[in-house]
Amino acid sequence: MADQHAQKIDRRRFVGNGVRLAGAVGLGGAAGLLAAQRGGPERDVWQIDPDVCIACTNCETHCVLDESAVKAVQCFLMCGYCDVCTGYFPTADFELNTAAENHLCPTGALKRRFIEARAGVRYFEYTIEESECIGCGKCVKGCALMNGSLYLQVRHDRCVNCNECAIAVACPSQAFRRVPASEPNLLKKTARDLMAKRAQDA
């Protein structure tokens, strides 16, 4: 009878200890979550390193979203404002045709606007209408033949920040990497150098 009573007490202690342990783990998890929200470890997001990207078109086809979270962006600091832009016009057979209907972008997302003419040279501004951009990278690949001012970036207002990004897995040059959410965009080294030089000159 005494043994049965002792076993009941041991069971009660075991169950009680288990409940206390589960509660402590739960509180620890909640405390960890609060710490993360109040200045704990910063979360990371996916981004493309433009110095490593080869504009392979996988960004368009491998994103889990119907319309890729990757968009082309323009670094105006690097842009030559060229009349004959290889990111805007196709370079087939190395004969560039500036006819209005002759565009490299399949959706017309890359817009061209005349800026000015100086000493007989015409200058144009090229901007991206991101709602029309599908992240195919054709403009980026074309622009690489000139100044390389067009490049691809993940837009975080669209990206669902998958634990294992399908584009990152498919990226042949391993240009996708995790970056701090506080600095989610990456510039080309050339752009960083130009910005540093301007800051130094100023």
N, C-alpha and C. Protein backbone atom coordinates (compact mmCIF):
# COMPACT_ATOMS: atom_id res chain seq x y z
N MET A 1 0.83 -1.20 0.00
CA MET A 1 0.00 0.00 0.00
C MET A 1 0.87 1.25 0.00
N ALA A 2 1.95 1.22 0.81
CA ALA A 2 2.88 2.34 0.89
C ALA A 2 3.58 2.52 -0.44
N ASP A 3 3.92 1.36 -1.11
CA ASP A 3 4.59 1.44 -2.42
C ASP A 3 3.67 2.10 -3.45
N GLN A 4 2.38 1.75 -3.44
CA GLN A 4 1.43 2.34 -4.39
C GLN A 4 1.31 3.84 -4.15
N HIS A 5 1.27 4.24 -2.88
CA HIS A 5 1.17 5.66 -2.56
C HIS A 5 2.42 6.41 -3.05
N ALA A 6 3.60 5.82 -2.84
CA ALA A 6 4.87 6.43 -3.29
C ALA A 6 4.89 6.56 -4.80
N GLN A 7 4.35 5.52 -5.53
CA GLN A 7 4.33 5.58 -7.00
C GLN A 7 3.42 6.71 -7.48
N LYS A 8 2.26 6.89 -6.79
CA LYS A 8 1.34 7.98 -7.17
C LYS A 8 2.02 9.33 -6.99
N ILE A 9 2.75 9.50 -5.88
CA ILE A 9 3.45 10.76 -5.63
C ILE A 9 4.50 10.98 -6.71
N ASP A 10 5.28 9.90 -7.05
CA ASP A 10 6.31 10.03 -8.09
C ASP A 10 5.70 10.41 -9.43
N ARG A 11 4.53 9.80 -9.75
CA ARG A 11 3.85 10.13 -11.01
C ARG A 11 3.42 11.60 -11.00
N ARG A 12 2.85 12.02 -9.82
CA ARG A 12 2.42 13.41 -9.72
C ARG A 12 3.60 14.36 -9.92
N ARG A 13 4.74 14.04 -9.27
CA ARG A 13 5.93 14.87 -9.43
C ARG A 13 6.39 14.90 -10.89
N PHE A 14 6.37 13.72 -11.52
CA PHE A 14 6.82 13.61 -12.91
C PHE A 14 5.95 14.48 -13.83
N VAL A 15 4.61 14.34 -13.64
CA VAL A 15 3.69 15.12 -14.47
C VAL A 15 3.83 16.61 -14.14
N GLY A 16 3.94 16.94 -12.87
CA GLY A 16 4.10 18.34 -12.46
C GLY A 16 5.37 18.94 -13.03
N ASN A 17 6.47 18.18 -12.94
CA ASN A 17 7.74 18.67 -13.48
C ASN A 17 7.65 18.86 -14.99
N GLY A 18 6.95 17.94 -15.66
CA GLY A 18 6.78 18.04 -17.12
C GLY A 18 6.01 19.30 -17.49
N VAL A 19 4.94 19.58 -16.73
CA VAL A 19 4.14 20.79 -17.00
C VAL A 19 4.98 22.03 -16.75
N ARG A 20 5.75 22.04 -15.66
CA ARG A 20 6.60 23.20 -15.37
C ARG A 20 7.66 23.39 -16.45
N LEU A 21 8.26 22.29 -16.92
CA LEU A 21 9.28 22.35 -17.97
C LEU A 21 8.69 22.90 -19.28
N ALA A 22 7.49 22.40 -19.65
CA ALA A 22 6.83 22.88 -20.87
C ALA A 22 6.53 24.37 -20.76
N GLY A 23 6.08 24.80 -19.60
CA GLY A 23 5.81 26.22 -19.39
C GLY A 23 7.07 27.06 -19.51
N ALA A 24 8.18 26.56 -18.95
CA ALA A 24 9.45 27.29 -19.02
C ALA A 24 9.94 27.40 -20.46
N VAL A 25 9.80 26.31 -21.22
CA VAL A 25 10.21 26.33 -22.63
C VAL A 25 9.36 27.33 -23.40
N GLY A 26 8.04 27.31 -23.14
CA GLY A 26 7.14 28.25 -23.81
C GLY A 26 7.49 29.69 -23.50
N LEU A 27 7.76 29.98 -22.21
CA LEU A 27 8.14 31.33 -21.82
C LEU A 27 9.47 31.73 -22.43
N GLY A 28 10.40 30.79 -22.48
CA GLY A 28 11.72 31.06 -23.09
C GLY A 28 11.57 31.39 -24.56
N GLY A 29 10.71 30.64 -25.26
CA GLY A 29 10.47 30.91 -26.69
C GLY A 29 9.84 32.27 -26.90
N ALA A 30 8.86 32.61 -26.05
CA ALA A 30 8.21 33.92 -26.16
C ALA A 30 9.20 35.03 -25.85
N ALA A 31 10.06 34.82 -24.85
CA ALA A 31 11.07 35.83 -24.51
C ALA A 31 12.04 36.02 -25.67
N GLY A 32 12.42 34.90 -26.31
CA GLY A 32 13.32 34.98 -27.47
C GLY A 32 12.70 35.76 -28.61
N LEU A 33 11.41 35.53 -28.83
CA LEU A 33 10.69 36.24 -29.89
C LEU A 33 10.63 37.73 -29.59
N LEU A 34 10.35 38.08 -28.34
CA LEU A 34 10.31 39.49 -27.95
C LEU A 34 11.68 40.13 -28.08
N ALA A 35 12.74 39.39 -27.71
CA ALA A 35 14.10 39.93 -27.82
C ALA A 35 14.45 40.20 -29.27
N ALA A 36 14.05 39.30 -30.16
CA ALA A 36 14.33 39.48 -31.58
C ALA A 36 13.62 40.72 -32.11
N GLN A 37 12.40 40.97 -31.61
CA GLN A 37 11.65 42.13 -32.07
C GLN A 37 12.17 43.42 -31.46
N ARG A 38 12.84 43.33 -30.34
CA ARG A 38 13.31 44.54 -29.64
C ARG A 38 14.81 44.73 -29.79
N GLY A 39 15.37 44.36 -30.92
CA GLY A 39 16.79 44.63 -31.14
C GLY A 39 17.66 43.40 -31.00
N GLY A 40 17.08 42.23 -31.10
CA GLY A 40 17.87 41.01 -31.10
C GLY A 40 18.54 40.85 -32.45
N PRO A 41 18.89 39.64 -32.82
CA PRO A 41 19.54 39.41 -34.10
C PRO A 41 18.66 39.89 -35.26
N GLU A 42 19.28 40.61 -36.20
CA GLU A 42 18.53 41.17 -37.32
C GLU A 42 18.19 40.07 -38.32
N ARG A 43 17.01 40.18 -38.94
CA ARG A 43 16.64 39.18 -39.93
C ARG A 43 17.32 39.48 -41.26
N ASP A 44 17.52 38.44 -42.04
CA ASP A 44 18.15 38.55 -43.35
C ASP A 44 17.10 38.41 -44.45
N VAL A 45 17.42 38.94 -45.61
CA VAL A 45 16.55 38.82 -46.79
C VAL A 45 17.42 38.38 -47.97
N TRP A 46 16.76 37.89 -49.03
CA TRP A 46 17.47 37.48 -50.23
C TRP A 46 17.77 38.69 -51.11
N GLN A 47 18.95 38.70 -51.71
CA GLN A 47 19.30 39.73 -52.68
C GLN A 47 20.28 39.18 -53.70
N ILE A 48 20.36 39.86 -54.84
CA ILE A 48 21.25 39.44 -55.93
C ILE A 48 22.49 40.32 -55.91
N ASP A 49 23.65 39.69 -55.95
CA ASP A 49 24.90 40.44 -56.06
C ASP A 49 25.09 40.78 -57.53
N PRO A 50 24.95 42.07 -57.91
CA PRO A 50 25.01 42.42 -59.33
C PRO A 50 26.37 42.19 -59.97
N ASP A 51 27.43 42.09 -59.16
CA ASP A 51 28.75 41.81 -59.71
C ASP A 51 28.95 40.34 -60.04
N VAL A 52 28.04 39.50 -59.55
CA VAL A 52 28.14 38.05 -59.79
C VAL A 52 27.07 37.57 -60.77
N CYS A 53 25.94 38.28 -60.83
CA CYS A 53 24.80 37.91 -61.69
C CYS A 53 25.21 37.89 -63.17
N ILE A 54 24.73 36.86 -63.89
CA ILE A 54 25.02 36.76 -65.33
C ILE A 54 23.75 36.94 -66.17
N ALA A 55 22.67 37.36 -65.56
CA ALA A 55 21.39 37.61 -66.26
C ALA A 55 20.99 36.41 -67.10
N CYS A 56 20.85 35.27 -66.45
CA CYS A 56 20.61 33.99 -67.13
C CYS A 56 19.14 33.75 -67.48
N THR A 57 18.22 34.56 -66.99
CA THR A 57 16.75 34.47 -67.14
C THR A 57 16.08 33.57 -66.09
N ASN A 58 16.83 32.91 -65.21
CA ASN A 58 16.21 32.06 -64.18
C ASN A 58 15.36 32.86 -63.20
N CYS A 59 15.67 34.12 -63.00
CA CYS A 59 14.88 34.95 -62.08
C CYS A 59 13.43 35.07 -62.56
N GLU A 60 13.26 35.09 -63.86
CA GLU A 60 11.91 35.18 -64.43
C GLU A 60 11.13 33.89 -64.23
N THR A 61 11.80 32.75 -64.40
CA THR A 61 11.10 31.47 -64.49
C THR A 61 11.08 30.65 -63.20
N HIS A 62 11.95 30.92 -62.23
CA HIS A 62 12.04 30.06 -61.05
C HIS A 62 11.45 30.63 -59.78
N CYS A 63 11.00 31.89 -59.79
CA CYS A 63 10.40 32.47 -58.58
C CYS A 63 9.10 31.73 -58.27
N VAL A 64 8.81 31.56 -56.98
CA VAL A 64 7.58 30.86 -56.58
C VAL A 64 6.33 31.70 -56.87
N LEU A 65 6.53 33.01 -57.06
CA LEU A 65 5.40 33.89 -57.40
C LEU A 65 5.12 33.80 -58.90
N ASP A 66 3.88 34.03 -59.28
CA ASP A 66 3.53 34.04 -60.70
C ASP A 66 4.31 35.10 -61.45
N GLU A 67 4.46 36.27 -60.84
CA GLU A 67 5.29 37.34 -61.41
C GLU A 67 6.49 37.49 -60.48
N SER A 68 7.68 37.31 -61.02
CA SER A 68 8.90 37.29 -60.22
C SER A 68 9.04 38.51 -59.32
N ALA A 69 9.62 38.28 -58.14
CA ALA A 69 9.93 39.38 -57.22
C ALA A 69 11.19 40.12 -57.66
N VAL A 70 11.88 39.59 -58.65
CA VAL A 70 13.10 40.21 -59.17
C VAL A 70 12.73 41.21 -60.26
N LYS A 71 13.30 42.40 -60.19
CA LYS A 71 13.04 43.45 -61.17
C LYS A 71 14.38 44.06 -61.61
N ALA A 72 14.39 44.59 -62.83
CA ALA A 72 15.56 45.33 -63.30
C ALA A 72 15.54 46.72 -62.67
N VAL A 73 16.71 47.22 -62.32
CA VAL A 73 16.85 48.57 -61.79
C VAL A 73 17.93 49.30 -62.57
N GLN A 74 17.92 50.61 -62.50
CA GLN A 74 18.86 51.44 -63.24
C GLN A 74 19.72 52.23 -62.26
N CYS A 75 21.03 52.19 -62.44
CA CYS A 75 21.95 53.02 -61.66
C CYS A 75 22.31 54.21 -62.55
N PHE A 76 21.63 55.33 -62.35
CA PHE A 76 21.82 56.51 -63.21
C PHE A 76 23.24 57.05 -63.12
N LEU A 77 23.91 56.81 -62.00
CA LEU A 77 25.28 57.26 -61.81
C LEU A 77 26.22 56.61 -62.83
N MET A 78 25.88 55.39 -63.24
CA MET A 78 26.72 54.65 -64.19
C MET A 78 26.24 54.77 -65.63
N CYS A 79 25.00 55.19 -65.84
CA CYS A 79 24.40 55.19 -67.16
C CYS A 79 25.05 56.25 -68.06
N GLY A 80 25.26 55.89 -69.34
CA GLY A 80 25.83 56.83 -70.30
C GLY A 80 24.78 57.63 -71.05
N TYR A 81 23.48 57.36 -70.78
CA TYR A 81 22.38 58.04 -71.46
C TYR A 81 22.53 57.94 -72.99
N CYS A 82 22.97 56.76 -73.43
CA CYS A 82 23.31 56.54 -74.83
C CYS A 82 22.10 56.60 -75.76
N ASP A 83 22.32 57.12 -76.95
CA ASP A 83 21.29 57.09 -77.99
C ASP A 83 21.09 55.65 -78.42
N VAL A 84 22.19 54.96 -78.63
CA VAL A 84 22.14 53.55 -79.02
C VAL A 84 22.49 52.72 -77.78
N CYS A 85 21.47 52.41 -76.99
CA CYS A 85 21.65 51.65 -75.74
C CYS A 85 21.49 50.17 -76.02
N THR A 86 22.51 49.39 -75.69
CA THR A 86 22.45 47.94 -75.95
C THR A 86 21.56 47.21 -74.94
N GLY A 87 21.12 47.91 -73.89
CA GLY A 87 20.14 47.33 -72.98
C GLY A 87 18.72 47.56 -73.46
N TYR A 88 18.56 48.51 -74.36
CA TYR A 88 17.25 48.87 -74.89
C TYR A 88 17.00 48.28 -76.27
N PHE A 89 18.03 48.31 -77.12
CA PHE A 89 17.91 47.78 -78.48
C PHE A 89 18.62 46.44 -78.61
N PRO A 90 18.07 45.52 -79.41
CA PRO A 90 18.75 44.24 -79.63
C PRO A 90 20.07 44.45 -80.37
N THR A 91 21.02 43.56 -80.11
CA THR A 91 22.34 43.67 -80.74
C THR A 91 22.60 42.54 -81.73
N ALA A 92 21.54 41.94 -82.27
CA ALA A 92 21.70 40.83 -83.22
C ALA A 92 22.54 41.29 -84.40
N ASP A 93 23.51 40.47 -84.76
CA ASP A 93 24.41 40.75 -85.89
C ASP A 93 25.17 42.07 -85.71
N PHE A 94 25.20 42.58 -84.49
CA PHE A 94 25.92 43.81 -84.16
C PHE A 94 25.46 45.02 -84.99
N GLU A 95 24.24 44.95 -85.51
CA GLU A 95 23.67 46.09 -86.22
C GLU A 95 22.53 46.64 -85.38
N LEU A 96 22.75 47.79 -84.80
CA LEU A 96 21.73 48.37 -83.92
C LEU A 96 20.79 49.25 -84.73
N ASN A 97 19.50 49.01 -84.52
CA ASN A 97 18.48 49.76 -85.23
C ASN A 97 17.64 50.49 -84.18
N THR A 98 17.63 51.81 -84.24
CA THR A 98 16.93 52.59 -83.22
C THR A 98 15.46 52.86 -83.56
N ALA A 99 14.89 52.06 -84.44
CA ALA A 99 13.47 52.21 -84.77
C ALA A 99 12.62 51.99 -83.51
N ALA A 100 11.54 52.73 -83.41
CA ALA A 100 10.71 52.72 -82.20
C ALA A 100 10.18 51.33 -81.85
N GLU A 101 9.89 50.53 -82.88
CA GLU A 101 9.32 49.20 -82.62
C GLU A 101 10.38 48.15 -82.29
N ASN A 102 11.64 48.54 -82.35
CA ASN A 102 12.73 47.58 -82.16
C ASN A 102 13.23 47.64 -80.71
N HIS A 103 12.58 46.90 -79.81
CA HIS A 103 12.95 46.91 -78.39
C HIS A 103 13.45 45.55 -77.96
N LEU A 104 14.42 45.55 -77.05
CA LEU A 104 14.94 44.31 -76.50
C LEU A 104 14.01 43.75 -75.42
N CYS A 105 13.42 44.64 -74.61
CA CYS A 105 12.55 44.21 -73.51
C CYS A 105 11.26 43.60 -74.06
N PRO A 106 10.92 42.37 -73.67
CA PRO A 106 9.73 41.71 -74.23
C PRO A 106 8.41 42.31 -73.77
N THR A 107 8.42 43.09 -72.68
CA THR A 107 7.17 43.66 -72.17
C THR A 107 7.11 45.19 -72.32
N GLY A 108 8.18 45.80 -72.80
CA GLY A 108 8.21 47.26 -72.90
C GLY A 108 8.39 47.95 -71.55
N ALA A 109 8.93 47.23 -70.55
CA ALA A 109 9.11 47.80 -69.22
C ALA A 109 10.21 48.85 -69.19
N LEU A 110 11.20 48.74 -70.06
CA LEU A 110 12.29 49.71 -70.12
C LEU A 110 11.84 50.89 -70.98
N LYS A 111 11.74 52.04 -70.36
CA LYS A 111 11.24 53.24 -71.04
C LYS A 111 12.41 54.16 -71.41
N ARG A 112 12.28 54.79 -72.60
CA ARG A 112 13.33 55.68 -73.12
C ARG A 112 12.73 57.08 -73.27
N ARG A 113 13.46 58.08 -72.73
CA ARG A 113 12.98 59.47 -72.81
C ARG A 113 14.13 60.38 -73.22
N PHE A 114 13.90 61.17 -74.25
CA PHE A 114 14.92 62.11 -74.72
C PHE A 114 15.18 63.17 -73.66
N ILE A 115 16.48 63.43 -73.40
CA ILE A 115 16.87 64.43 -72.40
C ILE A 115 17.36 65.71 -73.07
N GLU A 116 18.38 65.58 -73.91
CA GLU A 116 18.94 66.75 -74.57
C GLU A 116 19.90 66.34 -75.68
N ALA A 117 20.28 67.33 -76.48
CA ALA A 117 21.31 67.14 -77.50
C ALA A 117 22.42 68.14 -77.23
N ARG A 118 23.64 67.63 -77.15
CA ARG A 118 24.80 68.50 -76.93
C ARG A 118 25.87 68.16 -77.95
N ALA A 119 26.35 69.16 -78.66
CA ALA A 119 27.40 69.00 -79.68
C ALA A 119 27.04 67.90 -80.67
N GLY A 120 25.77 67.87 -81.05
CA GLY A 120 25.31 66.89 -82.03
C GLY A 120 25.07 65.49 -81.47
N VAL A 121 25.24 65.32 -80.17
CA VAL A 121 25.03 64.00 -79.53
C VAL A 121 23.71 64.04 -78.75
N ARG A 122 22.86 63.04 -79.01
CA ARG A 122 21.55 62.96 -78.33
C ARG A 122 21.67 62.06 -77.09
N TYR A 123 21.07 62.53 -75.99
CA TYR A 123 21.11 61.79 -74.73
C TYR A 123 19.69 61.40 -74.30
N PHE A 124 19.59 60.16 -73.82
CA PHE A 124 18.29 59.61 -73.41
C PHE A 124 18.38 59.05 -72.00
N GLU A 125 17.26 59.14 -71.29
CA GLU A 125 17.15 58.54 -69.96
C GLU A 125 16.37 57.23 -70.09
N TYR A 126 16.85 56.19 -69.42
CA TYR A 126 16.21 54.87 -69.46
C TYR A 126 15.73 54.52 -68.05
N THR A 127 14.44 54.31 -67.91
CA THR A 127 13.85 53.95 -66.62
C THR A 127 13.05 52.66 -66.77
N ILE A 128 12.81 51.99 -65.64
CA ILE A 128 12.07 50.72 -65.65
C ILE A 128 10.70 50.92 -65.02
N GLU A 129 9.67 50.52 -65.74
CA GLU A 129 8.32 50.46 -65.19
C GLU A 129 8.20 49.09 -64.53
N GLU A 130 8.41 49.05 -63.21
CA GLU A 130 8.53 47.76 -62.52
C GLU A 130 7.28 46.91 -62.60
N SER A 131 6.12 47.54 -62.73
CA SER A 131 4.88 46.75 -62.83
C SER A 131 4.85 45.94 -64.12
N GLU A 132 5.66 46.32 -65.11
CA GLU A 132 5.72 45.60 -66.38
C GLU A 132 6.94 44.68 -66.48
N CYS A 133 7.90 44.86 -65.59
CA CYS A 133 9.14 44.07 -65.64
C CYS A 133 8.89 42.65 -65.12
N ILE A 134 9.41 41.66 -65.86
CA ILE A 134 9.23 40.25 -65.48
C ILE A 134 10.53 39.63 -64.97
N GLY A 135 11.59 40.44 -64.85
CA GLY A 135 12.85 39.94 -64.30
C GLY A 135 13.63 39.03 -65.23
N CYS A 136 13.41 39.15 -66.54
CA CYS A 136 14.08 38.25 -67.49
C CYS A 136 15.57 38.57 -67.63
N GLY A 137 15.96 39.82 -67.35
CA GLY A 137 17.37 40.20 -67.39
C GLY A 137 17.93 40.48 -68.77
N LYS A 138 17.08 40.52 -69.80
CA LYS A 138 17.58 40.78 -71.16
C LYS A 138 18.23 42.15 -71.26
N CYS A 139 17.62 43.15 -70.63
CA CYS A 139 18.19 44.50 -70.66
C CYS A 139 19.52 44.53 -69.92
N VAL A 140 19.61 43.76 -68.84
CA VAL A 140 20.84 43.70 -68.04
C VAL A 140 21.98 43.10 -68.86
N LYS A 141 21.68 42.01 -69.55
CA LYS A 141 22.69 41.35 -70.37
C LYS A 141 23.15 42.27 -71.50
N GLY A 142 22.19 42.98 -72.12
CA GLY A 142 22.54 43.91 -73.19
C GLY A 142 23.35 45.08 -72.67
N CYS A 143 22.96 45.63 -71.53
CA CYS A 143 23.64 46.80 -70.96
C CYS A 143 25.06 46.45 -70.53
N ALA A 144 25.31 45.20 -70.21
CA ALA A 144 26.66 44.76 -69.81
C ALA A 144 27.68 44.99 -70.93
N LEU A 145 27.20 45.09 -72.18
CA LEU A 145 28.10 45.37 -73.30
C LEU A 145 28.58 46.82 -73.28
N MET A 146 27.91 47.67 -72.55
CA MET A 146 28.26 49.09 -72.47
C MET A 146 28.70 49.44 -71.04
N ASN A 147 27.86 50.18 -70.31
CA ASN A 147 28.23 50.66 -68.96
C ASN A 147 27.83 49.71 -67.84
N GLY A 148 26.87 48.84 -68.11
CA GLY A 148 26.41 47.92 -67.06
C GLY A 148 25.61 48.60 -65.97
N SER A 149 24.88 49.67 -66.33
CA SER A 149 24.13 50.41 -65.32
C SER A 149 22.80 49.74 -64.96
N LEU A 150 22.32 48.84 -65.82
CA LEU A 150 21.10 48.08 -65.52
C LEU A 150 21.49 46.78 -64.82
N TYR A 151 20.77 46.45 -63.75
CA TYR A 151 21.04 45.18 -63.06
C TYR A 151 19.77 44.71 -62.35
N LEU A 152 19.79 43.50 -61.86
CA LEU A 152 18.62 42.90 -61.22
C LEU A 152 18.70 42.97 -59.71
N GLN A 153 17.54 43.21 -59.08
CA GLN A 153 17.45 43.21 -57.62
C GLN A 153 16.13 42.60 -57.19
N VAL A 154 16.14 41.97 -56.02
CA VAL A 154 14.92 41.42 -55.43
C VAL A 154 14.16 42.60 -54.81
N ARG A 155 12.88 42.69 -55.12
CA ARG A 155 12.03 43.72 -54.53
C ARG A 155 11.32 43.10 -53.32
N HIS A 156 11.63 43.61 -52.13
CA HIS A 156 11.16 42.98 -50.90
C HIS A 156 9.71 43.28 -50.57
N ASP A 157 9.09 44.21 -51.28
CA ASP A 157 7.65 44.40 -51.08
C ASP A 157 6.88 43.29 -51.79
N ARG A 158 7.57 42.51 -52.64
CA ARG A 158 6.96 41.38 -53.34
C ARG A 158 7.47 40.04 -52.81
N CYS A 159 8.74 39.97 -52.50
CA CYS A 159 9.39 38.71 -52.10
C CYS A 159 8.78 38.16 -50.81
N VAL A 160 8.54 36.84 -50.79
CA VAL A 160 8.01 36.21 -49.58
C VAL A 160 9.13 35.66 -48.70
N ASN A 161 10.38 35.90 -49.10
CA ASN A 161 11.57 35.55 -48.30
C ASN A 161 11.57 34.08 -47.89
N CYS A 162 11.38 33.21 -48.88
CA CYS A 162 11.36 31.76 -48.63
C CYS A 162 12.64 31.32 -47.93
N ASN A 163 12.53 30.35 -47.07
CA ASN A 163 13.69 29.82 -46.37
C ASN A 163 14.73 29.31 -47.37
N GLU A 164 14.26 28.61 -48.39
CA GLU A 164 15.14 28.16 -49.48
C GLU A 164 14.57 28.75 -50.77
N CYS A 165 15.17 29.84 -51.23
CA CYS A 165 14.68 30.53 -52.42
C CYS A 165 14.89 29.66 -53.66
N ALA A 166 13.83 29.45 -54.42
CA ALA A 166 13.90 28.60 -55.62
C ALA A 166 14.82 29.21 -56.67
N ILE A 167 14.87 30.53 -56.75
CA ILE A 167 15.78 31.17 -57.71
C ILE A 167 17.22 30.98 -57.25
N ALA A 168 17.48 31.12 -55.96
CA ALA A 168 18.84 30.95 -55.43
C ALA A 168 19.34 29.54 -55.73
N VAL A 169 18.46 28.55 -55.60
CA VAL A 169 18.85 27.16 -55.88
C VAL A 169 19.20 27.00 -57.36
N ALA A 170 18.44 27.68 -58.24
CA ALA A 170 18.64 27.54 -59.68
C ALA A 170 19.71 28.47 -60.24
N CYS A 171 20.21 29.40 -59.44
CA CYS A 171 21.16 30.41 -59.92
C CYS A 171 22.51 29.78 -60.29
N PRO A 172 22.91 29.80 -61.57
CA PRO A 172 24.15 29.14 -61.98
C PRO A 172 25.41 29.84 -61.49
N SER A 173 25.31 31.13 -61.18
CA SER A 173 26.51 31.86 -60.74
C SER A 173 26.53 32.10 -59.23
N GLN A 174 25.50 31.58 -58.53
CA GLN A 174 25.36 31.73 -57.08
C GLN A 174 25.40 33.21 -56.68
N ALA A 175 24.66 34.02 -57.44
CA ALA A 175 24.60 35.46 -57.18
C ALA A 175 23.64 35.81 -56.06
N PHE A 176 22.73 34.88 -55.69
CA PHE A 176 21.76 35.13 -54.61
C PHE A 176 22.44 34.91 -53.28
N ARG A 177 22.23 35.86 -52.37
CA ARG A 177 22.76 35.69 -51.01
C ARG A 177 21.89 36.41 -50.01
N ARG A 178 22.10 36.09 -48.74
CA ARG A 178 21.34 36.71 -47.66
C ARG A 178 22.06 37.99 -47.24
N VAL A 179 21.28 39.06 -47.06
CA VAL A 179 21.82 40.34 -46.61
C VAL A 179 20.94 40.85 -45.47
N PRO A 180 21.46 41.74 -44.63
CA PRO A 180 20.64 42.28 -43.53
C PRO A 180 19.44 43.04 -44.08
N ALA A 181 18.30 42.89 -43.45
CA ALA A 181 17.07 43.56 -43.88
C ALA A 181 17.19 45.08 -43.81
N SER A 182 18.10 45.59 -42.98
CA SER A 182 18.28 47.04 -42.87
C SER A 182 19.04 47.61 -44.08
N GLU A 183 19.76 46.74 -44.81
CA GLU A 183 20.47 47.15 -46.03
C GLU A 183 20.17 46.12 -47.12
N PRO A 184 18.93 46.14 -47.63
CA PRO A 184 18.48 45.05 -48.49
C PRO A 184 18.91 45.12 -49.95
N ASN A 185 19.50 46.24 -50.39
CA ASN A 185 19.87 46.39 -51.79
C ASN A 185 21.39 46.38 -51.95
N LEU A 186 21.84 45.85 -53.09
CA LEU A 186 23.27 45.80 -53.36
C LEU A 186 23.59 46.59 -54.62
N LEU A 187 24.63 47.40 -54.55
CA LEU A 187 25.11 48.14 -55.71
C LEU A 187 26.29 47.41 -56.33
N LYS A 188 26.54 47.68 -57.60
CA LYS A 188 27.74 47.17 -58.25
C LYS A 188 28.95 47.86 -57.63
N LYS A 189 30.08 47.18 -57.68
CA LYS A 189 31.31 47.76 -57.13
C LYS A 189 31.64 49.07 -57.84
N THR A 190 31.43 49.12 -59.16
CA THR A 190 31.69 50.35 -59.91
C THR A 190 30.87 51.51 -59.36
N ALA A 191 29.60 51.27 -59.06
CA ALA A 191 28.72 52.31 -58.51
C ALA A 191 29.20 52.73 -57.12
N ARG A 192 29.59 51.76 -56.31
CA ARG A 192 30.10 52.08 -54.97
C ARG A 192 31.35 52.95 -55.06
N ASP A 193 32.24 52.60 -55.99
CA ASP A 193 33.47 53.38 -56.19
C ASP A 193 33.17 54.79 -56.65
N LEU A 194 32.21 54.93 -57.59
CA LEU A 194 31.83 56.25 -58.08
C LEU A 194 31.23 57.11 -56.97
N MET A 195 30.40 56.49 -56.13
CA MET A 195 29.78 57.21 -55.01
C MET A 195 30.85 57.66 -54.01
N ALA A 196 31.81 56.77 -53.74
CA ALA A 196 32.89 57.10 -52.80
C ALA A 196 33.72 58.26 -53.36
N LYS A 197 34.00 58.23 -54.66
CA LYS A 197 34.79 59.29 -55.29
C LYS A 197 34.05 60.62 -55.23
N ARG A 198 32.75 60.61 -55.51
CA ARG A 198 31.95 61.83 -55.44
C ARG A 198 31.95 62.41 -54.03
N ALA A 199 31.81 61.51 -53.05
CA ALA A 199 31.80 61.96 -51.65
C ALA A 199 33.16 62.56 -51.29
N GLN A 200 34.22 61.96 -51.79
CA GLN A 200 35.57 62.46 -51.50
C GLN A 200 35.80 63.83 -52.16
N ASP A 201 35.32 63.96 -53.41
CA ASP A 201 35.47 65.22 -54.14
C ASP A 201 34.67 66.34 -53.49
N ALA A 202 33.52 65.97 -52.94
CA ALA A 202 32.66 66.96 -52.28
C ALA A 202 33.29 67.38 -50.95
